[in-house]
Amino acid sequence: MASACGVPFNFIMKLKQHFVALVLALSTSVTAAAADTAIKHRLLLFEYGKGPNRLLELDTSGKVVWEHKPPSIAVIFEVLPNGHVLYAYGGKPTGVREVTRQGEEVWNYVSQCPQVLGCQRLANGNTLVAEQGPCRAVEVNSKGDVVRITPLKTSVESYHLQVRNVHKLANGNILAAHEGEGAVREVDVEGNVVWEYTGVENAGDAQRLKNGNTLISCGTQKRVIEVTPDKKIAWQFTAADAPELNITWVSSIQQLPNGHILVGNFLRGQEGKGAHAFEVTRDKKVVWKWDDHRFITSLTTVRALD
């Protein structure tokens, strides 16, 4: 049998079958590729709250591959280029430690203040320590010697909530998050305030972005904001943008290389509900979350290691 155009009908049917098979194969290939590119993160986090205070590393499948217990209360850490972990500890004594992935201590600074909960390793090899009582940023060299002290301003008298994370900026100033006061301040080397943003709650961290704006974790206000130098909100993500996450206390922030934000959600009083951490795009799409409650009850700082 021939078609109206003279081409054998059987040939047309076989051609149609081959075309359908090709479409199905391409569709399967695209689906498989999409599955292969699903977002997966290797995580390091500090568990804190009703669970034990410990550092946990999870592989991309969510399996615990490393655990480290600090000597006392600890909430903030930094992964160094050599793979070691730097963290502040707030007991008696209090200070900052650097440990290997085998848990071996390779550096330790013991502070004379009542409590240290924030720190940063600087490009020159020194370590910036957020001391409380009095509230100040102390720069310590590799030998443990104090080489610079910068006073920090806060209205909070109780040392526990005076300051959390601190960062030394490219201009030499220090950016500090004052949790108890709900303020973020940039001070020069003498401690003079050159910029501040107030009116947030439980500000655990503030990071200066390359565009000059400041990214702030707003704790129990349940939001992350990006603020311009003239104190305008350029971007924010709130609990109302994703109710299913049960955002309770934004405790940590990390801008990823792709521009997305990794957010740590401290589930104090909401243990077992919602996500511990999530990745959100600048157009407020949640593209990844970690909501496994088998290993931890709540976390403070979380970092993607990939």
Foldseek 3Di string as FASTA:
>chain_A
DADPVGHRPVVVVVVVVVVVVVVVVVVVVVVVVVVVPADFFWKWFFFDDPDAGWIFTAGRVRDTDAIGHDPADEADWDQDPVRWIKTWHFQVFTWIFTAHSVRHTDATATDPARTWHEKDQDPVRWIWTQGFRPGWIFTAHRVNHTDAIEGEDDPDNPRPQQWAYWDQDPVRWIWTQRACQQKIFTAHRNHHTPAMDHDAHRWRDWDQDPVRWIWTFRFQQAKIFTAHRVGDTPAMDGCVLPVQQVQGTFQEWDQDPVRWIKTAGFCHVNFLGHFRIFIAHRVGDTSDTHRDRPPHRHTHDMDGDD
